[in-house]
Amino acid sequence: KEVGVDADELLTIIKDQQINALPIIFGGKGEICKVNTIPMTYNLKIGNSYSFSFCSKIEGEWAIINGGKWYTNWEIGKDNVYSISITPVEKGEISLCVQFKGDNSYTEYIRYICD
């Protein structure tokens, strides 16, 4: 099931209004994440660097997955701010995911495509 903002609608809002905050993203279990920085385009490019930063009180392990490459070297700052920069190396999906404590699977929060 996909949820979120329609890309065309978001682009219109950005062009027509001043945006000073990103939306709150809710996890599969109702947790709230406050996004500080994420790529704001669905299509990412191999070899380009991208930064991700968000605040989360979720108890779990976060990962960005790009094909067979897993990025898990998060800097965790004050107030549970998670930050990481990645440079994709594989074509295909890139997903920001979390593994909740007591669960063996990962829950996807944000998805991109890389080419």
PDB file of N, CA and C in Angstrom:
ATOM      1  N   LYS A   1       0.844  -1.176   0.000  1.00  0.00           N
ATOM      2  CA  LYS A   1       0.000   0.000   0.000  1.00  0.00           C
ATOM      3  C   LYS A   1       0.888   1.237   0.000  1.00  0.00           C
ATOM      4  N   GLU A   2       0.670   2.133  -0.924  1.00  0.00           N
ATOM      5  CA  GLU A   2       1.432   3.369  -0.981  1.00  0.00           C
ATOM      6  C   GLU A   2       0.597   4.513  -0.431  1.00  0.00           C
ATOM      7  N   VAL A   3       1.228   5.325   0.404  1.00  0.00           N
ATOM      8  CA  VAL A   3       0.569   6.516   0.931  1.00  0.00           C
ATOM      9  C   VAL A   3       1.520   7.681   0.753  1.00  0.00           C
ATOM     10  N   GLY A   4       0.995   8.869   0.773  1.00  0.00           N
ATOM     11  CA  GLY A   4       1.858  10.032   0.648  1.00  0.00           C
ATOM     12  C   GLY A   4       1.204  11.131  -0.151  1.00  0.00           C
ATOM     13  N   VAL A   5       2.021  12.065  -0.570  1.00  0.00           N
ATOM     14  CA  VAL A   5       1.562  13.235  -1.302  1.00  0.00           C
ATOM     15  C   VAL A   5       1.745  12.983  -2.794  1.00  0.00           C
ATOM     16  N   ASP A   6       0.763  13.346  -3.576  1.00  0.00           N
ATOM     17  CA  ASP A   6       0.868  13.253  -5.025  1.00  0.00           C
ATOM     18  C   ASP A   6       1.979  14.184  -5.502  1.00  0.00           C
ATOM     19  N   ALA A   7       2.913  13.657  -6.313  1.00  0.00           N
ATOM     20  CA  ALA A   7       4.085  14.429  -6.749  1.00  0.00           C
ATOM     21  C   ALA A   7       3.699  15.685  -7.522  1.00  0.00           C
ATOM     22  N   ASP A   8       2.708  15.596  -8.391  1.00  0.00           N
ATOM     23  CA  ASP A   8       2.278  16.775  -9.157  1.00  0.00           C
ATOM     24  C   ASP A   8       1.694  17.839  -8.232  1.00  0.00           C
ATOM     25  N   GLU A   9       0.924  17.396  -7.255  1.00  0.00           N
ATOM     26  CA  GLU A   9       0.330  18.327  -6.301  1.00  0.00           C
ATOM     27  C   GLU A   9       1.424  19.006  -5.467  1.00  0.00           C
ATOM     28  N   LEU A  10       2.405  18.237  -5.028  1.00  0.00           N
ATOM     29  CA  LEU A  10       3.499  18.800  -4.241  1.00  0.00           C
ATOM     30  C   LEU A  10       4.287  19.829  -5.041  1.00  0.00           C
ATOM     31  N   LEU A  11       4.562  19.539  -6.302  1.00  0.00           N
ATOM     32  CA  LEU A  11       5.296  20.475  -7.150  1.00  0.00           C
ATOM     33  C   LEU A  11       4.530  21.790  -7.301  1.00  0.00           C
ATOM     34  N   THR A  12       3.220  21.705  -7.498  1.00  0.00           N
ATOM     35  CA  THR A  12       2.390  22.909  -7.606  1.00  0.00           C
ATOM     36  C   THR A  12       2.455  23.721  -6.323  1.00  0.00           C
ATOM     37  N   ILE A  13       2.379  23.052  -5.179  1.00  0.00           N
ATOM     38  CA  ILE A  13       2.431  23.743  -3.887  1.00  0.00           C
ATOM     39  C   ILE A  13       3.772  24.443  -3.711  1.00  0.00           C
ATOM     40  N   ILE A  14       4.847  23.758  -4.067  1.00  0.00           N
ATOM     41  CA  ILE A  14       6.175  24.338  -3.915  1.00  0.00           C
ATOM     42  C   ILE A  14       6.337  25.567  -4.808  1.00  0.00           C
ATOM     43  N   LYS A  15       5.843  25.494  -6.035  1.00  0.00           N
ATOM     44  CA  LYS A  15       5.966  26.623  -6.963  1.00  0.00           C
ATOM     45  C   LYS A  15       5.102  27.811  -6.542  1.00  0.00           C
ATOM     46  N   ASP A  16       3.931  27.545  -5.957  1.00  0.00           N
ATOM     47  CA  ASP A  16       2.974  28.608  -5.668  1.00  0.00           C
ATOM     48  C   ASP A  16       3.076  29.187  -4.254  1.00  0.00           C
ATOM     49  N   GLN A  17       3.687  28.472  -3.347  1.00  0.00           N
ATOM     50  CA  GLN A  17       3.706  28.915  -1.958  1.00  0.00           C
ATOM     51  C   GLN A  17       5.102  28.754  -1.379  1.00  0.00           C
ATOM     52  N   GLN A  18       5.344  29.461  -0.290  1.00  0.00           N
ATOM     53  CA  GLN A  18       6.607  29.280   0.423  1.00  0.00           C
ATOM     54  C   GLN A  18       6.450  28.093   1.364  1.00  0.00           C
ATOM     55  N   ILE A  19       7.367  27.124   1.245  1.00  0.00           N
ATOM     56  CA  ILE A  19       7.342  25.938   2.097  1.00  0.00           C
ATOM     57  C   ILE A  19       8.488  26.063   3.084  1.00  0.00           C
ATOM     58  N   ASN A  20       8.190  26.006   4.376  1.00  0.00           N
ATOM     59  CA  ASN A  20       9.254  26.099   5.365  1.00  0.00           C
ATOM     60  C   ASN A  20       9.360  24.851   6.234  1.00  0.00           C
ATOM     61  N   ALA A  21       8.632  23.790   5.877  1.00  0.00           N
ATOM     62  CA  ALA A  21       8.738  22.534   6.616  1.00  0.00           C
ATOM     63  C   ALA A  21       8.238  21.400   5.740  1.00  0.00           C
ATOM     64  N   LEU A  22       8.795  20.237   5.954  1.00  0.00           N
ATOM     65  CA  LEU A  22       8.335  19.042   5.257  1.00  0.00           C
ATOM     66  C   LEU A  22       7.230  18.372   6.076  1.00  0.00           C
ATOM     67  N   PRO A  23       6.412  17.543   5.452  1.00  0.00           N
ATOM     68  CA  PRO A  23       5.357  16.882   6.201  1.00  0.00           C
ATOM     69  C   PRO A  23       5.911  15.895   7.220  1.00  0.00           C
ATOM     70  N   ILE A  24       5.105  15.584   8.205  1.00  0.00           N
ATOM     71  CA  ILE A  24       5.431  14.536   9.174  1.00  0.00           C
ATOM     72  C   ILE A  24       5.197  13.199   8.499  1.00  0.00           C
ATOM     73  N   ILE A  25       6.107  12.274   8.704  1.00  0.00           N
ATOM     74  CA  ILE A  25       5.964  10.947   8.128  1.00  0.00           C
ATOM     75  C   ILE A  25       5.671   9.976   9.257  1.00  0.00           C
ATOM     76  N   PHE A  26       4.589   9.206   9.102  1.00  0.00           N
ATOM     77  CA  PHE A  26       4.197   8.241  10.112  1.00  0.00           C
ATOM     78  C   PHE A  26       4.667   6.860   9.700  1.00  0.00           C
ATOM     79  N   GLY A  27       5.117   6.099  10.671  1.00  0.00           N
ATOM     80  CA  GLY A  27       5.540   4.735  10.410  1.00  0.00           C
ATOM     81  C   GLY A  27       4.363   3.788  10.407  1.00  0.00           C
ATOM     82  N   GLY A  28       4.651   2.546  10.068  1.00  0.00           N
ATOM     83  CA  GLY A  28       3.622   1.526   9.995  1.00  0.00           C
ATOM     84  C   GLY A  28       2.939   1.247  11.312  1.00  0.00           C
ATOM     85  N   LYS A  29       3.597   1.616  12.413  1.00  0.00           N
ATOM     86  CA  LYS A  29       3.014   1.374  13.728  1.00  0.00           C
ATOM     87  C   LYS A  29       2.573   2.675  14.391  1.00  0.00           C
ATOM     88  N   GLY A  30       2.422   3.730  13.598  1.00  0.00           N
ATOM     89  CA  GLY A  30       1.925   4.997  14.105  1.00  0.00           C
ATOM     90  C   GLY A  30       2.982   5.916  14.689  1.00  0.00           C
ATOM     91  N   GLU A  31       4.250   5.531  14.592  1.00  0.00           N
ATOM     92  CA  GLU A  31       5.308   6.375  15.101  1.00  0.00           C
ATOM     93  C   GLU A  31       5.471   7.598  14.208  1.00  0.00           C
ATOM     94  N   ILE A  32       5.979   8.660  14.791  1.00  0.00           N
ATOM     95  CA  ILE A  32       6.162   9.898  14.038  1.00  0.00           C
ATOM     96  C   ILE A  32       7.648  10.141  13.821  1.00  0.00           C
ATOM     97  N   CYS A  33       7.991  10.519  12.611  1.00  0.00           N
ATOM     98  CA  CYS A  33       9.354  10.940  12.281  1.00  0.00           C
ATOM     99  C   CYS A  33       9.279  12.374  11.789  1.00  0.00           C
ATOM    100  N   LYS A  34      10.167  13.227  12.300  1.00  0.00           N
ATOM    101  CA  LYS A  34      10.251  14.595  11.795  1.00  0.00           C
ATOM    102  C   LYS A  34      11.405  14.652  10.806  1.00  0.00           C
ATOM    103  N   VAL A  35      11.105  14.937   9.572  1.00  0.00           N
ATOM    104  CA  VAL A  35      12.112  14.982   8.528  1.00  0.00           C
ATOM    105  C   VAL A  35      12.818  16.334   8.552  1.00  0.00           C
ATOM    106  N   ASN A  36      14.152  16.297   8.571  1.00  0.00           N
ATOM    107  CA  ASN A  36      14.949  17.512   8.445  1.00  0.00           C
ATOM    108  C   ASN A  36      15.424  17.679   7.004  1.00  0.00           C
ATOM    109  N   THR A  37      16.040  16.633   6.450  1.00  0.00           N
ATOM    110  CA  THR A  37      16.584  16.676   5.100  1.00  0.00           C
ATOM    111  C   THR A  37      16.433  15.317   4.437  1.00  0.00           C
ATOM    112  N   ILE A  38      15.849  15.300   3.264  1.00  0.00           N
ATOM    113  CA  ILE A  38      15.806  14.111   2.415  1.00  0.00           C
ATOM    114  C   ILE A  38      15.832  14.589   0.971  1.00  0.00           C
ATOM    115  N   PRO A  39      16.257  13.741   0.041  1.00  0.00           N
ATOM    116  CA  PRO A  39      16.127  14.132  -1.366  1.00  0.00           C
ATOM    117  C   PRO A  39      14.650  14.351  -1.697  1.00  0.00           C
ATOM    118  N   MET A  40      14.359  15.447  -2.381  1.00  0.00           N
ATOM    119  CA  MET A  40      12.971  15.785  -2.686  1.00  0.00           C
ATOM    120  C   MET A  40      12.583  15.415  -4.114  1.00  0.00           C
ATOM    121  N   THR A  41      13.319  14.496  -4.704  1.00  0.00           N
ATOM    122  CA  THR A  41      12.973  13.982  -6.015  1.00  0.00           C
ATOM    123  C   THR A  41      12.987  12.467  -5.950  1.00  0.00           C
ATOM    124  N   TYR A  42      12.092  11.836  -6.661  1.00  0.00           N
ATOM    125  CA  TYR A  42      11.979  10.380  -6.671  1.00  0.00           C
ATOM    126  C   TYR A  42      13.167   9.737  -7.374  1.00  0.00           C
ATOM    127  N   ASN A  43      13.671  10.386  -8.425  1.00  0.00           N
ATOM    128  CA  ASN A  43      14.752   9.821  -9.231  1.00  0.00           C
ATOM    129  C   ASN A  43      16.106  10.313  -8.736  1.00  0.00           C
ATOM    130  N   LEU A  44      16.911   9.395  -8.212  1.00  0.00           N
ATOM    131  CA  LEU A  44      18.260   9.708  -7.765  1.00  0.00           C
ATOM    132  C   LEU A  44      19.253   9.181  -8.800  1.00  0.00           C
ATOM    133  N   LYS A  45      20.470   9.678  -8.764  1.00  0.00           N
ATOM    134  CA  LYS A  45      21.490   9.335  -9.765  1.00  0.00           C
ATOM    135  C   LYS A  45      22.667   8.618  -9.119  1.00  0.00           C
ATOM    136  N   ILE A  46      23.140   7.556  -9.776  1.00  0.00           N
ATOM    137  CA  ILE A  46      24.340   6.854  -9.332  1.00  0.00           C
ATOM    138  C   ILE A  46      25.499   7.849  -9.322  1.00  0.00           C
ATOM    139  N   GLY A  47      26.292   7.812  -8.256  1.00  0.00           N
ATOM    140  CA  GLY A  47      27.464   8.671  -8.144  1.00  0.00           C
ATOM    141  C   GLY A  47      27.218  10.006  -7.485  1.00  0.00           C
ATOM    142  N   ASN A  48      25.963  10.454  -7.399  1.00  0.00           N
ATOM    143  CA  ASN A  48      25.645  11.696  -6.685  1.00  0.00           C
ATOM    144  C   ASN A  48      25.494  11.400  -5.196  1.00  0.00           C
ATOM    145  N   SER A  49      25.832  12.369  -4.364  1.00  0.00           N
ATOM    146  CA  SER A  49      25.687  12.205  -2.913  1.00  0.00           C
ATOM    147  C   SER A  49      24.361  12.784  -2.448  1.00  0.00           C
ATOM    148  N   TYR A  50      23.743  12.117  -1.490  1.00  0.00           N
ATOM    149  CA  TYR A  50      22.450  12.536  -0.943  1.00  0.00           C
ATOM    150  C   TYR A  50      22.493  12.452   0.579  1.00  0.00           C
ATOM    151  N   SER A  51      21.888  13.445   1.234  1.00  0.00           N
ATOM    152  CA  SER A  51      21.856  13.493   2.691  1.00  0.00           C
ATOM    153  C   SER A  51      20.456  13.195   3.206  1.00  0.00           C
ATOM    154  N   PHE A  52      20.402  12.492   4.313  1.00  0.00           N
ATOM    155  CA  PHE A  52      19.162  12.161   4.995  1.00  0.00           C
ATOM    156  C   PHE A  52      19.340  12.539   6.460  1.00  0.00           C
ATOM    157  N   SER A  53      18.364  13.248   7.011  1.00  0.00           N
ATOM    158  CA  SER A  53      18.398  13.613   8.419  1.00  0.00           C
ATOM    159  C   SER A  53      16.957  13.689   8.920  1.00  0.00           C
ATOM    160  N   PHE A  54      16.705  13.027  10.033  1.00  0.00           N
ATOM    161  CA  PHE A  54      15.364  13.021  10.606  1.00  0.00           C
ATOM    162  C   PHE A  54      15.459  12.730  12.089  1.00  0.00           C
ATOM    163  N   CYS A  55      14.401  13.073  12.799  1.00  0.00           N
ATOM    164  CA  CYS A  55      14.304  12.813  14.229  1.00  0.00           C
ATOM    165  C   CYS A  55      13.303  11.681  14.427  1.00  0.00           C
ATOM    166  N   SER A  56      13.717  10.662  15.189  1.00  0.00           N
ATOM    167  CA  SER A  56      12.831   9.532  15.430  1.00  0.00           C
ATOM    168  C   SER A  56      13.050   8.973  16.826  1.00  0.00           C
ATOM    169  N   LYS A  57      11.961   8.650  17.487  1.00  0.00           N
ATOM    170  CA  LYS A  57      12.042   8.003  18.793  1.00  0.00           C
ATOM    171  C   LYS A  57      11.789   6.501  18.680  1.00  0.00           C
ATOM    172  N   ILE A  58      11.756   6.014  17.444  1.00  0.00           N
ATOM    173  CA  ILE A  58      11.536   4.595  17.206  1.00  0.00           C
ATOM    174  C   ILE A  58      12.728   3.801  17.722  1.00  0.00           C
ATOM    175  N   GLU A  59      12.445   2.760  18.459  1.00  0.00           N
ATOM    176  CA  GLU A  59      13.502   1.859  18.914  1.00  0.00           C
ATOM    177  C   GLU A  59      13.685   0.792  17.853  1.00  0.00           C
ATOM    178  N   GLY A  60      14.771   0.917  17.105  1.00  0.00           N
ATOM    179  CA  GLY A  60      15.021  -0.028  16.039  1.00  0.00           C
ATOM    180  C   GLY A  60      16.290   0.319  15.302  1.00  0.00           C
ATOM    181  N   GLU A  61      16.567  -0.448  14.267  1.00  0.00           N
ATOM    182  CA  GLU A  61      17.754  -0.247  13.454  1.00  0.00           C
ATOM    183  C   GLU A  61      17.351   0.339  12.104  1.00  0.00           C
ATOM    184  N   TRP A  62      17.916   1.496  11.751  1.00  0.00           N
ATOM    185  CA  TRP A  62      17.621   2.168  10.497  1.00  0.00           C
ATOM    186  C   TRP A  62      18.631   1.764   9.435  1.00  0.00           C
ATOM    187  N   ALA A  63      18.189   1.696   8.183  1.00  0.00           N
ATOM    188  CA  ALA A  63      19.069   1.384   7.061  1.00  0.00           C
ATOM    189  C   ALA A  63      18.545   2.058   5.797  1.00  0.00           C
ATOM    190  N   ILE A  64      19.466   2.442   4.937  1.00  0.00           N
ATOM    191  CA  ILE A  64      19.114   2.820   3.571  1.00  0.00           C
ATOM    192  C   ILE A  64      19.651   1.693   2.705  1.00  0.00           C
ATOM    193  N   ILE A  65      18.769   1.133   1.881  1.00  0.00           N
ATOM    194  CA  ILE A  65      19.116  -0.040   1.088  1.00  0.00           C
ATOM    195  C   ILE A  65      19.100   0.341  -0.385  1.00  0.00           C
ATOM    196  N   ASN A  66      20.214   0.068  -1.063  1.00  0.00           N
ATOM    197  CA  ASN A  66      20.362   0.327  -2.502  1.00  0.00           C
ATOM    198  C   ASN A  66      20.831  -0.974  -3.140  1.00  0.00           C
ATOM    199  N   GLY A  67      19.865  -1.780  -3.590  1.00  0.00           N
ATOM    200  CA  GLY A  67      20.197  -3.095  -4.129  1.00  0.00           C
ATOM    201  C   GLY A  67      20.840  -3.943  -3.048  1.00  0.00           C
ATOM    202  N   GLY A  68      22.078  -4.374  -3.273  1.00  0.00           N
ATOM    203  CA  GLY A  68      22.794  -5.179  -2.291  1.00  0.00           C
ATOM    204  C   GLY A  68      23.599  -4.374  -1.290  1.00  0.00           C
ATOM    205  N   LYS A  69      23.613  -3.052  -1.427  1.00  0.00           N
ATOM    206  CA  LYS A  69      24.389  -2.183  -0.534  1.00  0.00           C
ATOM    207  C   LYS A  69      23.489  -1.639   0.574  1.00  0.00           C
ATOM    208  N   TRP A  70      23.913  -1.855   1.812  1.00  0.00           N
ATOM    209  CA  TRP A  70      23.183  -1.372   2.983  1.00  0.00           C
ATOM    210  C   TRP A  70      23.999  -0.265   3.642  1.00  0.00           C
ATOM    211  N   TYR A  71      23.383   0.883   3.862  1.00  0.00           N
ATOM    212  CA  TYR A  71      24.017   2.000   4.550  1.00  0.00           C
ATOM    213  C   TYR A  71      23.436   2.051   5.964  1.00  0.00           C
ATOM    214  N   THR A  72      24.280   1.801   6.958  1.00  0.00           N
ATOM    215  CA  THR A  72      23.799   1.740   8.339  1.00  0.00           C
ATOM    216  C   THR A  72      24.664   2.573   9.288  1.00  0.00           C
ATOM    217  N   ASN A  73      25.601   3.337   8.752  1.00  0.00           N
ATOM    218  CA  ASN A  73      26.524   4.099   9.600  1.00  0.00           C
ATOM    219  C   ASN A  73      25.959   5.479   9.943  1.00  0.00           C
ATOM    220  N   TRP A  74      24.839   5.489  10.631  1.00  0.00           N
ATOM    221  CA  TRP A  74      24.152   6.718  11.012  1.00  0.00           C
ATOM    222  C   TRP A  74      24.920   7.462  12.091  1.00  0.00           C
ATOM    223  N   GLU A  75      24.918   8.771  12.008  1.00  0.00           N
ATOM    224  CA  GLU A  75      25.317   9.613  13.133  1.00  0.00           C
ATOM    225  C   GLU A  75      24.036   9.893  13.903  1.00  0.00           C
ATOM    226  N   ILE A  76      24.042   9.639  15.191  1.00  0.00           N
ATOM    227  CA  ILE A  76      22.853   9.888  16.010  1.00  0.00           C
ATOM    228  C   ILE A  76      23.187  11.032  16.954  1.00  0.00           C
ATOM    229  N   GLY A  77      22.503  12.146  16.756  1.00  0.00           N
ATOM    230  CA  GLY A  77      22.794  13.353  17.518  1.00  0.00           C
ATOM    231  C   GLY A  77      21.783  13.606  18.621  1.00  0.00           C
ATOM    232  N   LYS A  78      21.856  14.813  19.132  1.00  0.00           N
ATOM    233  CA  LYS A  78      20.955  15.271  20.191  1.00  0.00           C
ATOM    234  C   LYS A  78      19.502  15.122  19.748  1.00  0.00           C
ATOM    235  N   ASP A  79      18.639  14.743  20.659  1.00  0.00           N
ATOM    236  CA  ASP A  79      17.202  14.592  20.410  1.00  0.00           C
ATOM    237  C   ASP A  79      16.902  13.516  19.364  1.00  0.00           C
ATOM    238  N   ASN A  80      17.756  12.475  19.297  1.00  0.00           N
ATOM    239  CA  ASN A  80      17.535  11.337  18.378  1.00  0.00           C
ATOM    240  C   ASN A  80      17.497  11.768  16.918  1.00  0.00           C
ATOM    241  N   VAL A  81      18.366  12.701  16.533  1.00  0.00           N
ATOM    242  CA  VAL A  81      18.468  13.090  15.132  1.00  0.00           C
ATOM    243  C   VAL A  81      19.432  12.129  14.437  1.00  0.00           C
ATOM    244  N   TYR A  82      18.906  11.396  13.462  1.00  0.00           N
ATOM    245  CA  TYR A  82      19.684  10.445  12.677  1.00  0.00           C
ATOM    246  C   TYR A  82      20.124  11.147  11.397  1.00  0.00           C
ATOM    247  N   SER A  83      21.425  11.048  11.058  1.00  0.00           N
ATOM    248  CA  SER A  83      21.944  11.684   9.846  1.00  0.00           C
ATOM    249  C   SER A  83      22.884  10.737   9.125  1.00  0.00           C
ATOM    250  N   ILE A  84      22.833  10.790   7.796  1.00  0.00           N
ATOM    251  CA  ILE A  84      23.715   9.976   6.970  1.00  0.00           C
ATOM    252  C   ILE A  84      23.789  10.602   5.584  1.00  0.00           C
ATOM    253  N   SER A  85      24.922  10.450   4.939  1.00  0.00           N
ATOM    254  CA  SER A  85      25.063  10.818   3.529  1.00  0.00           C
ATOM    255  C   SER A  85      25.454   9.558   2.775  1.00  0.00           C
ATOM    256  N   ILE A  86      24.841   9.366   1.614  1.00  0.00           N
ATOM    257  CA  ILE A  86      25.136   8.182   0.817  1.00  0.00           C
ATOM    258  C   ILE A  86      25.434   8.586  -0.622  1.00  0.00           C
ATOM    259  N   THR A  87      26.139   7.721  -1.313  1.00  0.00           N
ATOM    260  CA  THR A  87      26.380   7.866  -2.743  1.00  0.00           C
ATOM    261  C   THR A  87      25.964   6.551  -3.388  1.00  0.00           C
ATOM    262  N   PRO A  88      24.785   6.501  -4.018  1.00  0.00           N
ATOM    263  CA  PRO A  88      24.291   5.244  -4.596  1.00  0.00           C
ATOM    264  C   PRO A  88      25.269   4.662  -5.620  1.00  0.00           C
ATOM    265  N   VAL A  89      25.344   3.327  -5.601  1.00  0.00           N
ATOM    266  CA  VAL A  89      26.264   2.632  -6.505  1.00  0.00           C
ATOM    267  C   VAL A  89      25.549   1.651  -7.432  1.00  0.00           C
ATOM    268  N   GLU A  90      24.244   1.428  -7.202  1.00  0.00           N
ATOM    269  CA  GLU A  90      23.497   0.459  -8.001  1.00  0.00           C
ATOM    270  C   GLU A  90      22.208   1.062  -8.542  1.00  0.00           C
ATOM    271  N   LYS A  91      21.829   0.637  -9.749  1.00  0.00           N
ATOM    272  CA  LYS A  91      20.529   1.018 -10.293  1.00  0.00           C
ATOM    273  C   LYS A  91      19.447   0.255  -9.539  1.00  0.00           C
ATOM    274  N   GLY A  92      18.260   0.854  -9.493  1.00  0.00           N
ATOM    275  CA  GLY A  92      17.125   0.192  -8.855  1.00  0.00           C
ATOM    276  C   GLY A  92      16.605   0.997  -7.685  1.00  0.00           C
ATOM    277  N   GLU A  93      15.849   0.343  -6.830  1.00  0.00           N
ATOM    278  CA  GLU A  93      15.217   1.023  -5.707  1.00  0.00           C
ATOM    279  C   GLU A  93      16.217   1.381  -4.617  1.00  0.00           C
ATOM    280  N   ILE A  94      15.946   2.503  -3.974  1.00  0.00           N
ATOM    281  CA  ILE A  94      16.634   2.908  -2.751  1.00  0.00           C
ATOM    282  C   ILE A  94      15.539   3.130  -1.719  1.00  0.00           C
ATOM    283  N   SER A  95      15.672   2.482  -0.567  1.00  0.00           N
ATOM    284  CA  SER A  95      14.634   2.565   0.453  1.00  0.00           C
ATOM    285  C   SER A  95      15.222   2.954   1.798  1.00  0.00           C
ATOM    286  N   LEU A  96      14.526   3.853   2.502  1.00  0.00           N
ATOM    287  CA  LEU A  96      14.825   4.143   3.899  1.00  0.00           C
ATOM    288  C   LEU A  96      13.928   3.234   4.714  1.00  0.00           C
ATOM    289  N   CYS A  97      14.539   2.367   5.527  1.00  0.00           N
ATOM    290  CA  CYS A  97      13.784   1.342   6.247  1.00  0.00           C
ATOM    291  C   CYS A  97      14.196   1.299   7.714  1.00  0.00           C
ATOM    292  N   VAL A  98      13.327   0.723   8.529  1.00  0.00           N
ATOM    293  CA  VAL A  98      13.645   0.492   9.940  1.00  0.00           C
ATOM    294  C   VAL A  98      13.251  -0.932  10.312  1.00  0.00           C
ATOM    295  N   GLN A  99      14.067  -1.523  11.165  1.00  0.00           N
ATOM    296  CA  GLN A  99      13.746  -2.824  11.742  1.00  0.00           C
ATOM    297  C   GLN A  99      13.372  -2.561  13.199  1.00  0.00           C
ATOM    298  N   PHE A 100      12.101  -2.774  13.528  1.00  0.00           N
ATOM    299  CA  PHE A 100      11.633  -2.541  14.889  1.00  0.00           C
ATOM    300  C   PHE A 100      12.191  -3.604  15.821  1.00  0.00           C
ATOM    301  N   LYS A 101      12.398  -3.249  17.075  1.00  0.00           N
ATOM    302  CA  LYS A 101      12.862  -4.230  18.062  1.00  0.00           C
ATOM    303  C   LYS A 101      11.859  -5.378  18.139  1.00  0.00           C
ATOM    304  N   GLY A 102      12.375  -6.593  18.158  1.00  0.00           N
ATOM    305  CA  GLY A 102      11.518  -7.763  18.253  1.00  0.00           C
ATOM    306  C   GLY A 102      10.938  -8.206  16.930  1.00  0.00           C
ATOM    307  N   ASP A 103      11.367  -7.600  15.825  1.00  0.00           N
ATOM    308  CA  ASP A 103      10.850  -7.930  14.496  1.00  0.00           C
ATOM    309  C   ASP A 103      12.033  -8.244  13.596  1.00  0.00           C
ATOM    310  N   ASN A 104      11.947  -9.291  12.813  1.00  0.00           N
ATOM    311  CA  ASN A 104      13.051  -9.666  11.931  1.00  0.00           C
ATOM    312  C   ASN A 104      12.978  -9.016  10.560  1.00  0.00           C
ATOM    313  N   SER A 105      11.888  -8.331  10.268  1.00  0.00           N
ATOM    314  CA  SER A 105      11.746  -7.722   8.945  1.00  0.00           C
ATOM    315  C   SER A 105      11.973  -6.209   9.044  1.00  0.00           C
ATOM    316  N   TYR A 106      12.154  -5.593   7.882  1.00  0.00           N
ATOM    317  CA  TYR A 106      12.309  -4.144   7.804  1.00  0.00           C
ATOM    318  C   TYR A 106      11.036  -3.523   7.254  1.00  0.00           C
ATOM    319  N   THR A 107      10.655  -2.368   7.798  1.00  0.00           N
ATOM    320  CA  THR A 107       9.505  -1.608   7.325  1.00  0.00           C
ATOM    321  C   THR A 107      10.018  -0.436   6.496  1.00  0.00           C
ATOM    322  N   GLU A 108       9.532  -0.301   5.283  1.00  0.00           N
ATOM    323  CA  GLU A 108       9.967   0.769   4.401  1.00  0.00           C
ATOM    324  C   GLU A 108       9.231   2.058   4.747  1.00  0.00           C
ATOM    325  N   TYR A 109       9.980   3.170   4.821  1.00  0.00           N
ATOM    326  CA  TYR A 109       9.394   4.477   5.103  1.00  0.00           C
ATOM    327  C   TYR A 109       9.348   5.349   3.867  1.00  0.00           C
ATOM    328  N   ILE A 110      10.442   5.362   3.108  1.00  0.00           N
ATOM    329  CA  ILE A 110      10.544   6.221   1.921  1.00  0.00           C
ATOM    330  C   ILE A 110      11.216   5.425   0.822  1.00  0.00           C
ATOM    331  N   ARG A 111      10.745   5.599  -0.410  1.00  0.00           N
ATOM    332  CA  ARG A 111      11.331   4.878  -1.550  1.00  0.00           C
ATOM    333  C   ARG A 111      11.698   5.842  -2.664  1.00  0.00           C
ATOM    334  N   TYR A 112      12.832   5.549  -3.275  1.00  0.00           N
ATOM    335  CA  TYR A 112      13.329   6.278  -4.446  1.00  0.00           C
ATOM    336  C   TYR A 112      13.694   5.258  -5.520  1.00  0.00           C
ATOM    337  N   ILE A 113      14.021   5.762  -6.696  1.00  0.00           N
ATOM    338  CA  ILE A 113      14.571   4.924  -7.772  1.00  0.00           C
ATOM    339  C   ILE A 113      15.888   5.569  -8.181  1.00  0.00           C
ATOM    340  N   CYS A 114      16.874   4.740  -8.489  1.00  0.00           N
ATOM    341  CA  CYS A 114      18.189   5.242  -8.860  1.00  0.00           C
ATOM    342  C   CYS A 114      18.553   4.748 -10.243  1.00  0.00           C
ATOM    343  N   ASP A 115      19.016   5.656 -11.096  1.00  0.00           N
ATOM    344  CA  ASP A 115      19.482   5.260 -12.441  1.00  0.00           C
ATOM    345  C   ASP A 115      20.717   6.030 -12.836  1.00  0.00           C
TER     346      ASP A 115
END
